[in-house]
Protein backbone atom coordinates (compact mmCIF):
# COMPACT_ATOMS: atom_id res chain seq x y z
CA MET A 1 11.92 282.26 257.90
CA ARG A 2 15.08 281.14 259.61
CA ARG A 3 16.31 278.95 262.41
CA GLN A 4 19.38 280.32 264.13
CA ARG A 5 22.55 278.22 264.19
CA ILE A 6 22.41 277.89 267.99
CA THR A 7 19.14 275.99 267.74
CA GLY A 8 20.67 273.06 265.89
CA LEU A 9 22.25 271.91 262.71
CA LEU A 10 19.06 271.17 260.82
CA GLY A 11 17.75 274.73 260.98
CA GLY A 12 17.73 276.84 257.86
CA LEU A 13 20.78 279.03 257.50
CA LEU A 14 18.92 281.47 255.40
CA LEU A 15 14.53 280.17 255.28
CA ALA A 16 -0.15 270.93 242.15
CA ALA A 17 -2.45 272.70 242.16
CA GLY A 18 0.25 274.96 240.82
CA SER A 19 3.78 274.93 239.52
CA LEU A 20 7.05 276.82 239.43
CA LEU A 21 8.02 277.53 235.85
CA GLY A 22 11.51 277.72 234.40
CA THR A 23 12.90 278.96 231.09
CA GLY A 24 16.04 278.41 229.14
CA THR A 25 16.54 274.74 230.06
CA PRO A 26 19.08 273.30 227.61
CA ALA A 27 18.47 270.07 225.76
CA ALA A 28 20.41 267.13 227.15
CA ALA A 29 22.68 266.88 224.09
CA ASP A 30 23.63 270.57 224.36
CA THR A 31 24.21 270.64 228.11
CA PRO A 32 27.79 271.59 229.00
CA PRO A 33 29.42 269.82 231.95
CA PRO A 34 28.57 271.42 235.30
CA PRO A 35 31.17 273.63 236.99
CA PRO A 36 33.32 272.06 239.72
CA GLU A 37 31.46 274.08 242.39
CA PHE A 38 28.74 276.70 242.78
CA GLY A 39 29.66 280.15 241.48
CA SER A 40 28.07 283.57 241.92
CA ASP A 41 25.09 282.69 239.71
CA TRP A 42 22.98 279.66 238.91
CA HIS A 43 20.01 278.56 236.87
CA ASP A 44 16.71 280.25 237.66
CA PRO A 45 14.48 278.12 239.92
CA LEU A 46 12.28 275.59 238.16
CA THR A 47 10.34 272.46 238.99
CA ALA A 48 9.26 269.28 237.27
CA ALA A 49 5.60 269.97 238.13
CA PRO A 50 3.34 270.77 235.16
CA PRO A 51 2.06 274.22 234.24
CA VAL A 52 -1.67 274.81 234.63
CA ASP A 53 -3.71 273.43 231.72
CA ARG A 54 -5.45 276.19 229.77
CA PRO A 55 -8.33 275.89 227.29
CA ALA A 56 -7.83 277.22 223.76
CA THR A 57 -10.48 279.91 224.13
CA ARG A 58 -10.50 283.71 224.23
CA SER A 59 -8.60 285.08 227.22
CA CYS A 60 -7.49 288.30 228.86
CA THR A 61 -4.95 289.14 231.56
CA LEU A 62 -4.95 291.82 234.25
CA THR A 63 -2.45 292.79 236.92
CA LEU A 64 -3.67 291.95 240.42
CA ALA A 65 -0.70 293.23 242.44
CA GLU A 66 2.77 294.61 241.78
CA ALA A 67 5.19 295.51 244.55
CA GLN A 68 8.73 295.51 245.90
CA PHE A 69 8.96 294.06 249.40
CA ARG A 70 11.65 295.51 251.65
CA ASP A 71 9.93 295.17 255.03
CA PHE A 72 6.63 294.01 256.51
CA THR A 73 4.44 296.65 254.84
CA PRO A 74 1.69 294.92 252.83
CA TYR A 75 0.73 295.89 249.31
CA GLN A 76 -2.89 297.06 249.20
CA GLY A 77 -4.90 297.61 246.07
CA SER A 78 -8.24 296.97 244.43
CA TYR A 79 -9.58 294.50 241.92
CA ALA A 80 -12.44 294.65 239.42
CA PRO A 81 -13.43 291.82 237.05
CA PRO A 82 -12.21 292.45 233.49
CA ALA A 83 -14.92 294.06 231.39
CA ASP A 84 -13.67 292.38 228.22
CA CYS A 85 -13.70 288.92 229.82
CA ALA A 86 -16.85 289.07 231.87
CA GLY A 87 -17.49 285.37 232.41
CA PRO A 88 -18.60 282.72 232.51
CA TRP A 89 -15.06 281.40 232.75
CA ALA A 90 -13.70 277.97 231.95
CA LYS A 91 -10.52 278.65 233.93
CA VAL A 92 -8.78 281.42 235.82
CA VAL A 93 -5.01 281.19 236.28
CA LEU A 94 -2.97 283.17 238.80
CA ARG A 95 0.67 283.79 237.92
CA LEU A 96 3.33 285.21 240.20
CA ASP A 97 6.52 286.52 238.58
CA GLY A 98 9.38 287.41 240.91
CA LYS A 99 12.98 288.60 240.84
CA VAL A 100 15.60 289.18 243.54
CA LYS A 101 19.38 289.49 243.73
CA GLY A 102 22.03 289.89 246.38
CA ARG A 103 21.70 288.13 249.72
CA GLN A 104 18.41 287.28 251.36
CA TYR A 105 16.65 284.67 253.47
CA ASP A 106 13.67 282.77 252.15
CA ARG A 107 10.46 284.60 252.99
CA LEU A 108 6.84 283.50 253.39
CA GLY A 109 4.11 285.38 251.54
CA ASN A 110 0.39 285.38 250.89
CA LEU A 111 -2.10 287.03 248.54
CA THR A 112 -5.72 287.66 249.52
CA LEU A 113 -8.72 288.84 247.51
CA GLY A 114 -11.67 290.10 249.52
CA GLY A 115 -10.07 288.48 252.57
CA VAL A 116 -9.91 285.07 250.81
CA GLU A 117 -6.39 283.68 250.63
CA ILE A 118 -5.78 282.60 247.04
CA LEU A 119 -2.02 282.01 247.25
CA ARG A 120 0.46 281.10 249.97
CA THR A 121 4.05 280.96 248.82
CA SER A 122 7.68 281.18 249.86
CA THR A 123 10.59 282.67 247.98
CA PRO A 124 13.87 281.29 246.62
CA GLN A 125 17.21 282.47 247.92
CA PRO A 126 18.98 284.64 245.36
CA SER A 127 22.40 284.60 243.77
CA PRO A 128 24.57 287.72 243.86
CA ASP A 129 23.82 288.19 240.15
CA GLY A 130 20.08 287.72 240.59
CA ILE A 131 17.37 285.20 239.75
CA THR A 132 13.83 285.24 238.38
CA TRP A 133 11.05 282.73 238.96
CA SER A 134 7.37 282.21 238.18
CA VAL A 135 4.59 280.28 239.88
CA GLU A 136 1.21 279.39 238.39
CA LYS A 137 -1.92 278.31 240.22
CA ASP A 138 -5.44 277.38 239.12
CA VAL A 139 -7.76 279.70 241.08
CA THR A 140 -10.98 278.95 239.20
CA ARG A 141 -12.65 277.66 242.37
CA TYR A 142 -12.60 281.22 243.75
CA ARG A 143 -15.00 282.40 241.00
CA ASP A 144 -17.38 283.85 243.60
CA VAL A 145 -14.86 286.42 244.85
CA LEU A 146 -13.39 286.94 241.36
CA SER A 147 -16.79 287.93 240.00
CA ARG A 148 -17.04 291.15 242.10
CA PRO A 149 -14.82 294.14 242.92
CA GLN A 150 -12.62 293.29 245.90
CA PRO A 151 -9.77 294.70 247.99
CA VAL A 152 -6.39 293.08 247.32
CA GLU A 153 -3.65 292.56 249.89
CA MET A 154 -0.28 290.92 249.44
CA LEU A 155 2.61 290.53 251.84
CA ILE A 156 6.02 288.93 251.58
CA GLY A 157 7.61 289.99 254.86
CA ASN A 158 11.23 290.94 254.27
CA VAL A 159 14.22 292.61 255.91
CA VAL A 160 16.66 294.68 253.86
CA ASN A 161 19.81 296.17 255.39
CA ASP A 162 23.56 296.33 254.79
CA THR A 163 23.86 292.54 255.07
CA TYR A 164 20.61 291.24 253.59
CA THR A 165 20.30 293.21 250.39
CA GLY A 166 17.69 291.30 248.40
CA VAL A 167 14.59 293.34 247.55
CA ILE A 168 11.80 290.95 246.50
CA ASP A 169 10.16 292.33 243.35
CA VAL A 170 6.92 290.55 242.35
CA LYS A 171 4.00 290.92 239.98
CA ALA A 172 0.78 288.88 240.26
CA THR A 173 -1.55 288.56 237.28
CA LEU A 174 -4.84 286.81 236.56
CA THR A 175 -5.66 285.29 233.18
CA PHE A 176 -9.35 284.61 232.49
CA HIS A 177 -10.22 281.96 229.89
CA ALA A 178 -13.74 282.25 228.49
CA ALA A 179 -16.21 279.39 228.37
CA GLU A 180 -17.31 279.28 224.74
CA GLY A 181 -18.24 276.71 222.14
CA PRO A 182 -17.67 273.18 223.45
CA VAL A 183 -15.70 274.52 226.44
CA ARG A 184 -18.17 274.73 229.29
CA PRO A 185 -18.02 276.97 232.38
CA ALA A 186 -16.10 275.43 235.25
CA ALA A 187 -18.10 273.87 238.08
CA THR A 188 -17.30 276.02 241.12
CA PRO A 189 -18.69 276.73 244.61
CA ASP A 190 -21.57 279.19 244.81
CA ARG A 191 -19.98 281.11 247.68
CA VAL A 192 -16.43 281.46 248.99
CA LEU A 193 -16.11 283.08 252.42
CA PRO A 194 -13.04 283.93 254.48
CA LEU A 195 -13.23 282.98 258.12
CA THR A 196 -12.38 286.45 259.42
CA GLY A 197 -13.17 285.69 263.06
CA ASP A 198 -14.10 282.39 264.63
CA THR A 199 -17.75 282.31 263.52
CA LEU A 200 -19.51 281.31 260.32
CA THR A 201 -23.09 281.87 259.18
CA THR A 202 -23.99 279.81 256.11
CA PRO A 203 -26.81 280.45 253.63
CA ARG A 204 -29.74 278.37 254.83
CA ASN A 205 -29.90 276.36 251.61
CA THR A 206 -26.29 275.15 251.76
CA GLU A 207 -25.89 271.54 250.60
CA ARG A 208 -22.11 271.10 250.57
CA ILE A 209 -19.34 272.67 252.67
CA LEU A 210 -15.57 272.45 252.27
CA ALA A 211 -13.06 274.25 254.46
CA GLU A 212 -9.57 275.08 253.17
CA VAL A 213 -6.85 275.68 255.76
CA TYR A 214 -3.48 277.02 254.57
CA ALA A 215 -1.64 275.52 257.54
CA THR A 216 2.08 276.29 257.75
CA GLY A 217 4.61 276.03 260.54
CA SER A 218 6.91 278.96 259.86
CA GLY A 219 8.39 282.14 261.19
CA GLY A 220 11.89 281.07 262.20
CA GLY A 221 11.14 279.20 265.43
CA CYS A 222 11.17 275.48 266.09
CA GLU A 223 7.66 274.97 264.67
CA GLU A 224 9.17 275.67 261.25
CA TYR A 225 10.88 272.29 261.80
CA TRP A 226 8.18 270.69 263.93
CA TYR A 227 9.04 267.19 262.66
CA LEU A 228 12.42 267.48 264.46
CA THR A 229 11.20 268.57 267.89
CA VAL A 230 11.81 266.32 270.91
CA PRO A 231 10.28 266.02 274.41
CA ASP A 232 11.73 268.25 277.12
CA ALA A 233 13.82 265.49 278.70
CA ALA A 234 15.85 264.80 275.54
CA PRO A 235 19.03 266.87 274.93
CA TYR A 236 18.16 268.59 271.65
CA SER A 237 17.87 272.24 270.64
CA CYS A 238 14.18 272.21 269.58
CA LYS A 239 11.74 271.12 272.29
CA ALA A 240 8.06 270.24 272.37
CA ALA A 241 6.60 268.52 275.41
CA GLN A 242 4.64 266.02 273.31
CA GLY A 243 7.34 265.47 270.68
CA PRO A 244 7.06 265.93 266.90
CA TYR A 245 3.55 264.59 266.21
CA ARG A 246 1.34 267.33 264.74
CA GLU A 247 -2.27 267.22 263.62
CA VAL A 248 -4.37 270.02 262.11
CA ARG A 249 -7.89 269.95 263.56
CA ILE A 250 -11.07 271.85 262.80
CA ALA A 251 -14.01 272.05 265.20
CA VAL A 252 -17.63 273.19 264.84
CA ASP A 253 -19.17 274.61 268.02
CA GLY A 254 -16.46 272.90 270.04
CA ARG A 255 -16.98 269.47 268.47
CA LEU A 256 -14.17 267.89 266.44
CA ALA A 257 -15.22 268.08 262.77
CA GLY A 258 -12.06 267.21 260.83
CA ILE A 259 -8.47 266.02 261.25
CA ALA A 260 -5.50 266.09 258.85
CA ALA A 261 -1.78 265.46 258.69
CA PRO A 262 0.15 268.66 257.95
CA PHE A 263 2.50 268.51 254.98
CA PRO A 264 6.17 268.59 256.13
CA THR A 265 7.16 271.59 254.02
CA VAL A 266 10.87 272.24 253.60
CA TRP A 267 11.62 275.88 252.78
CA THR A 268 14.57 276.97 250.64
CA GLY A 269 16.93 277.32 253.61
CA GLY A 270 15.80 274.09 255.21
CA TRP A 271 18.01 271.33 256.58
CA SER A 272 20.83 273.89 257.02
CA ASN A 273 21.63 273.75 253.32
CA PRO A 274 20.30 276.29 250.81
CA PHE A 275 22.47 274.71 248.09
CA LEU A 276 19.90 271.91 247.90
CA TRP A 277 17.18 274.34 246.83
CA TYR A 278 18.75 277.04 244.69
CA VAL A 279 17.39 275.55 241.45
CA THR A 280 14.77 272.96 242.45
CA PRO A 281 12.66 273.80 245.51
CA ALA A 282 11.20 271.05 247.69
CA PRO A 283 7.65 269.89 246.87
CA ARG A 284 5.01 272.55 247.63
CA ALA A 285 7.52 275.12 248.89
CA PHE A 286 6.45 277.74 246.32
CA ASP A 287 2.75 276.80 246.15
CA VAL A 288 1.56 275.86 249.64
CA GLN A 289 -1.54 273.74 249.22
CA PRO A 290 -4.35 273.92 251.76
CA VAL A 291 -5.62 271.11 253.93
CA VAL A 292 -9.22 270.48 252.81
CA TYR A 293 -12.01 269.25 255.10
CA ASP A 294 -15.46 268.12 254.01
CA LEU A 295 -17.84 269.59 256.60
CA THR A 296 -21.04 268.61 254.76
CA PRO A 297 -22.17 266.27 257.61
CA PHE A 298 -22.49 269.44 259.75
CA ALA A 299 -24.53 271.38 257.18
CA GLY A 300 -27.84 270.45 258.83
CA LEU A 301 -26.61 272.11 262.05
CA LEU A 302 -25.06 275.11 260.33
CA ASN A 303 -28.11 275.93 258.19
CA ASP A 304 -30.16 277.34 261.07
CA GLY A 305 -29.33 280.94 260.14
CA ARG A 306 -27.30 281.60 263.27
CA PRO A 307 -23.52 282.09 263.60
CA HIS A 308 -21.53 279.01 264.58
CA ARG A 309 -18.05 278.79 266.02
CA ILE A 310 -15.38 277.39 263.69
CA GLU A 311 -11.93 276.87 265.21
CA VAL A 312 -8.68 275.48 263.82
CA SER A 313 -5.91 274.19 266.07
CA VAL A 314 -2.64 272.29 265.67
CA ALA A 315 -2.31 269.45 268.16
CA GLY A 316 1.17 268.93 269.58
CA VAL A 317 2.27 272.58 269.63
CA PRO A 318 3.51 273.51 273.11
CA ALA A 319 1.07 275.67 275.05
CA GLY A 320 1.59 279.35 274.41
CA GLN A 321 4.07 278.77 271.57
CA THR A 322 3.55 280.52 268.25
CA GLY A 323 4.74 279.44 264.83
CA TRP A 324 1.66 278.17 262.99
CA SER A 325 -0.53 280.12 260.59
CA THR A 326 -3.96 278.67 259.76
CA PRO A 327 -6.09 281.00 257.56
CA VAL A 328 -9.40 279.45 256.52
CA ASN A 329 -11.58 279.73 253.40
CA VAL A 330 -15.07 278.21 253.41
CA LEU A 331 -16.45 276.94 250.08
CA LEU A 332 -20.24 276.55 249.88
CA TRP A 333 -22.62 274.98 247.36
CA GLN A 334 -26.32 275.91 247.51
CA ASP A 335 -29.55 274.15 246.53
CA GLU A 336 -31.15 276.67 244.16
CA ALA A 337 -34.53 274.93 244.38
CA ARG A 338 -34.81 275.31 248.17
CA GLN A 339 -34.74 278.35 250.43
CA VAL A 340 -33.89 276.17 253.42
CA VAL A 341 -32.14 272.81 253.45
CA THR A 342 -32.61 270.91 256.70
CA GLY A 343 -30.79 267.91 258.06
CA ALA A 344 -28.91 266.51 261.02
CA LEU A 345 -25.59 265.12 262.20
CA THR A 346 -26.21 261.40 262.75
CA ARG A 347 -22.80 259.96 263.58
CA HIS A 348 -19.70 261.21 265.34
CA GLU A 349 -17.02 258.69 266.31
CA ALA A 350 -13.40 259.48 267.15
CA THR A 351 -10.64 257.17 268.30
CA GLU A 352 -8.42 258.16 271.19
CA PRO A 353 -5.46 260.13 269.74
CA ALA A 354 -2.19 258.18 269.89
CA ASN A 355 1.11 259.95 270.49
CA SER A 356 4.20 258.25 271.87
CA SER A 357 7.78 259.53 271.70
CA VAL A 358 10.45 257.35 273.33
CA HIS A 359 13.95 258.75 273.84
CA THR A 360 16.93 256.40 274.01
CA ALA A 361 20.15 258.01 275.25
CA GLY A 362 23.64 257.08 274.11
CA PRO A 363 26.54 258.30 271.98
CA GLU A 364 23.81 258.61 269.36
CA HIS A 365 20.49 259.74 270.77
CA ARG A 366 17.33 258.27 269.27
CA LEU A 367 13.68 259.33 269.41
CA ASP A 368 11.02 256.90 268.17
CA THR A 369 7.62 258.48 267.56
CA HIS A 370 4.29 256.87 266.76
CA GLY A 371 1.12 258.93 266.43
CA GLY A 372 -2.32 258.68 264.90
CA HIS A 373 -6.00 259.46 265.12
CA GLY A 374 -9.28 258.46 263.48
CA LEU A 375 -12.58 260.29 262.97
CA THR A 376 -15.87 259.38 261.31
CA VAL A 377 -18.75 261.84 260.93
CA ALA A 378 -22.03 261.44 259.05
CA GLY A 379 -25.08 263.54 258.44
CA TYR A 380 -28.04 263.89 256.09
CA LEU A 381 -29.67 266.75 254.20
CA ASP A 382 -33.19 266.87 252.75
CA THR A 383 -32.45 268.53 249.41
CA SER A 384 -34.65 269.21 246.38
CA ARG A 385 -33.27 265.94 244.98
CA GLY A 386 -34.21 263.96 248.05
CA ARG A 387 -32.37 262.94 251.19
CA ILE A 388 -28.59 262.73 250.77
CA THR A 389 -26.34 261.26 253.42
CA THR A 390 -22.65 262.19 253.58
CA THR A 391 -20.13 260.17 255.57
CA VAL A 392 -16.52 261.27 256.04
CA THR A 393 -13.88 258.96 257.53
CA ARG A 394 -10.29 260.07 258.04
CA THR A 395 -7.41 258.09 259.56
CA LEU A 396 -3.98 259.56 260.32
CA ALA A 397 -0.70 257.85 261.19
CA ASN A 398 2.88 259.03 261.68
CA THR A 399 6.07 257.14 262.45
CA SER A 400 9.50 258.72 262.73
CA VAL A 401 13.00 257.88 263.91
CA HIS A 402 15.19 260.85 264.82
CA ARG A 403 18.90 260.22 265.53
CA TRP A 404 21.49 262.77 266.61
CA THR A 405 24.85 263.04 268.35
CA GLU A 406 25.92 265.40 271.13
CA GLY A 407 26.25 268.91 269.72
CA GLU A 408 24.08 267.77 266.78
CA SER A 409 27.07 267.43 264.47
CA ARG A 410 25.10 264.51 263.05
CA ASP A 411 21.35 264.88 262.79
CA ALA A 412 19.11 262.46 260.89
CA LEU A 413 15.39 261.80 260.45
CA THR A 414 13.36 259.08 258.76
CA ALA A 415 9.61 259.76 258.83
CA THR A 416 6.34 258.79 257.14
CA TRP A 417 2.92 260.42 257.43
CA THR A 418 -0.27 258.86 256.05
CA ASP A 419 -3.66 260.53 255.74
CA ARG A 420 -6.44 258.25 254.49
CA GLU A 421 -9.83 259.78 253.72
CA THR A 422 -13.09 258.31 252.42
CA VAL A 423 -16.07 260.53 251.55
CA THR A 424 -19.38 258.94 250.56
CA SER A 425 -22.14 261.28 249.41
CA GLY A 426 -25.21 259.58 248.03
CA ARG A 427 -24.12 257.15 245.32
CA THR A 428 -20.56 258.48 245.02
CA THR A 429 -17.53 257.46 247.08
CA THR A 430 -14.11 259.08 246.86
CA ARG A 431 -11.11 257.44 248.55
CA THR A 432 -7.83 259.32 248.92
CA GLN A 433 -4.62 258.07 250.47
CA ARG A 434 -1.92 260.69 251.00
CA THR A 435 1.62 259.66 251.97
CA TYR A 436 4.43 262.08 252.85
CA THR A 437 7.99 260.86 253.42
CA MET A 438 11.25 262.41 254.63
CA ASP A 439 14.61 260.64 254.91
CA GLY A 440 17.68 262.77 255.48
CA GLU A 441 20.88 263.40 257.38
CA THR A 442 23.05 266.44 258.00
CA THR A 443 26.65 266.06 259.24
CA LEU A 444 29.34 268.57 260.15
CA GLY A 445 32.74 267.09 259.40
CA ALA A 446 36.40 268.02 259.12
CA GLY A 447 37.17 271.56 258.01
CA ASP A 448 33.61 272.62 258.97
CA ARG A 449 32.27 270.92 255.85
CA LEU A 450 28.52 270.53 256.22
CA ARG A 451 26.81 267.86 254.13
CA THR A 452 23.07 267.23 253.75
CA VAL A 453 21.61 264.18 252.01
CA LEU A 454 17.84 264.24 251.75
CA ALA A 455 14.95 262.46 250.04
CA LEU A 456 11.34 263.76 250.11
CA GLY A 457 8.11 262.25 248.85
CA ASP A 458 4.59 263.61 248.22
CA ARG A 459 2.21 260.91 247.01
CA ALA A 460 -1.56 260.68 246.69
CA ASP A 461 -3.90 258.06 245.21
CA THR A 462 -7.52 259.07 244.60
CA LEU A 463 -10.24 256.66 243.47
CA THR A 464 -13.83 257.69 242.71
CA LEU A 465 -16.67 255.13 242.61
CA ARG A 466 -20.31 255.48 241.70
CA ASP A 467 -22.65 252.68 242.77
CA GLY A 468 -19.50 250.67 243.51
CA ARG A 469 -18.04 251.03 240.01
CA GLN A 470 -14.84 252.91 239.28
CA VAL A 471 -15.42 256.29 237.66
CA SER A 472 -11.94 257.79 237.82
CA VAL A 473 -8.49 257.30 239.29
CA ASP A 474 -5.69 259.80 239.86
CA ARG A 475 -2.18 259.05 241.11
CA LEU A 476 0.45 261.61 242.12
CA ASP A 477 4.07 260.70 242.85
CA HIS A 478 6.33 263.72 243.46
CA ARG A 479 9.85 262.95 244.69
CA TYR A 480 12.99 264.93 245.41
CA THR A 481 16.52 263.76 246.24
CA GLY A 482 19.52 265.97 246.95
CA ASP A 483 23.10 265.91 248.23
CA ALA A 484 24.99 269.15 248.93
CA THR A 485 28.14 270.10 250.84
CA TYR A 486 29.76 273.44 251.72
CA THR A 487 32.09 275.06 254.25
CA THR A 488 30.31 276.84 257.09
CA GLY A 489 31.27 280.02 258.89
CA VAL A 490 33.08 281.63 255.94
CA PRO A 491 32.14 284.32 253.41
CA ARG A 492 29.95 283.23 250.53
CA ASP A 493 32.80 283.07 247.99
CA GLN A 494 34.80 280.73 250.24
CA ARG A 495 32.15 278.07 250.79
CA HIS A 496 33.32 275.85 247.88
CA ALA A 497 29.84 274.38 247.64
CA VAL A 498 28.92 271.36 245.54
CA GLY A 499 25.51 269.82 245.21
CA THR A 500 23.34 267.60 243.06
CA GLY A 501 19.57 267.25 243.03
CA SER A 502 16.87 265.39 241.17
CA GLU A 503 13.12 265.96 241.10
CA ARG A 504 10.53 263.74 239.41
CA TYR A 505 6.85 264.63 239.14
CA ARG A 506 4.51 261.89 237.91
CA ARG A 507 0.74 262.19 237.62
CA TYR A 508 -1.33 259.63 235.78
CA GLY A 509 -4.77 258.10 235.69
CA THR A 510 -8.09 258.64 233.97
CA ALA A 511 -7.20 262.18 232.86
CA GLY A 512 -3.93 261.13 231.20
CA CYS A 513 -0.25 261.09 232.05
CA TYR A 514 2.46 263.60 232.93
CA ASP A 515 6.00 262.56 233.85
CA ARG A 516 8.99 264.92 234.03
CA THR A 517 12.41 264.67 235.65
CA VAL A 518 14.76 267.61 236.31
CA ALA A 519 18.31 267.05 237.58
CA THR A 520 20.91 269.63 238.60
CA ALA A 521 24.60 269.85 239.59
CA GLN A 522 26.33 272.91 241.06
CA GLY A 523 23.40 275.10 240.05
CA THR A 524 23.19 273.98 236.41
CA VAL A 525 20.47 271.84 234.84
CA THR A 526 21.94 268.53 233.71
CA GLU A 527 18.71 266.76 232.76
CA ASP A 528 15.20 267.80 231.79
CA ARG A 529 13.33 264.75 230.54
CA ARG A 530 9.67 264.01 229.85
CA ARG A 531 8.33 260.51 229.58
CA CYS A 532 4.64 260.97 228.68
């Protein structure tokens, strides 16, 4: 995943659900001063995000995939549930361990089980001496596919030659934690189906439907940096006729069924400065989280036993332009007491999509963008527990200010995306407000010294009510700040790179508190502090 230099300064020179784990972090009192600049090696990648919680019950681990990626040949294997841990399970944890050394771009990868994507990830950029990293993800919700033998496929597309020498060596394992004693089996969907074409046939007694879309703009073109694109009339290297506003949409039989703001992922070569990401990746870069849509209002239509067309699109992408990947998993819950659950879609209201990008020319060009959309859908189902009505309302908004000079020797963006969702099903209402922020600037100064200063935010507040009374609250606040400078256009050992970064992951609410900060300088960890 790479954006060539000729396409602009902010391209990559090289490219919660889970966490990136690190080892060997020194205590603050024992931390030596950082070196004056980056050397040929640095601390293995790590993040402030928490590892997956595991119950203290009997467990077993099996290898799901093990491969060295040198090209675009996928690993293919087979999976069978572990005989000595044959469910029911309280939790299933996927772990990816990787190692790479030499020189290599960041690469995008995915792991599927029975066609269901259970991990989407990207890789760190290595040091000449080599790095190792590990990512964990809770995959318990895929119990349906984990409970049967399945084909396994994994791909981290890579290029290895005389210049780019890094072979990506990975091993994926699954650890199954038994439900025993007071530890109960996890509540999971009854069925998990990959959307292998553009049609879906649901079991006729389906009572809840969620769709996961692992939406990523990637592949080295301008859609990898979609938030920086400008209309055709503006003098900038990455063009999109409608500007930078993007929206991930899902439709059922041609009717809009869900909208979402894509997360502005920054890969480990992003913003022209891999020195920002050598130790602490940007939020979600190593565990790409899916957009989730509640399609339950459409269950009454889908339960007729016939195939229905399900389509995902990304609004704002120029016609005929590639760059987005949108694999879909469908999670289904069934009413065991009914062979057929009937119902109907009763409400479908969408606002007119807003998208305005205004270019102001001058010594410093400026693009002001405002976009947004709203959708409300409702439907009922006559279940064995009576009639249940589900209403889903989602409201999106995006504002951004993009400033750049001729030749893009200065390139800056300040942007905010909000995605507000309310789901009411029977007596229960869940309200979620997601906010993503990006505020950064890259400049190319004297002596070809390139400097990037960047702040990123990933925040979400979720409130659950039953009969109007608060049942639970969950707040996520994940922030990154970084500042790195190096000399461009010279061999690696002549870059004289310096860089500092800080990442703080806070999650608190009804379930407890987690708060960790990791800070780095010139590739060494200078702080690793926990507050809860």
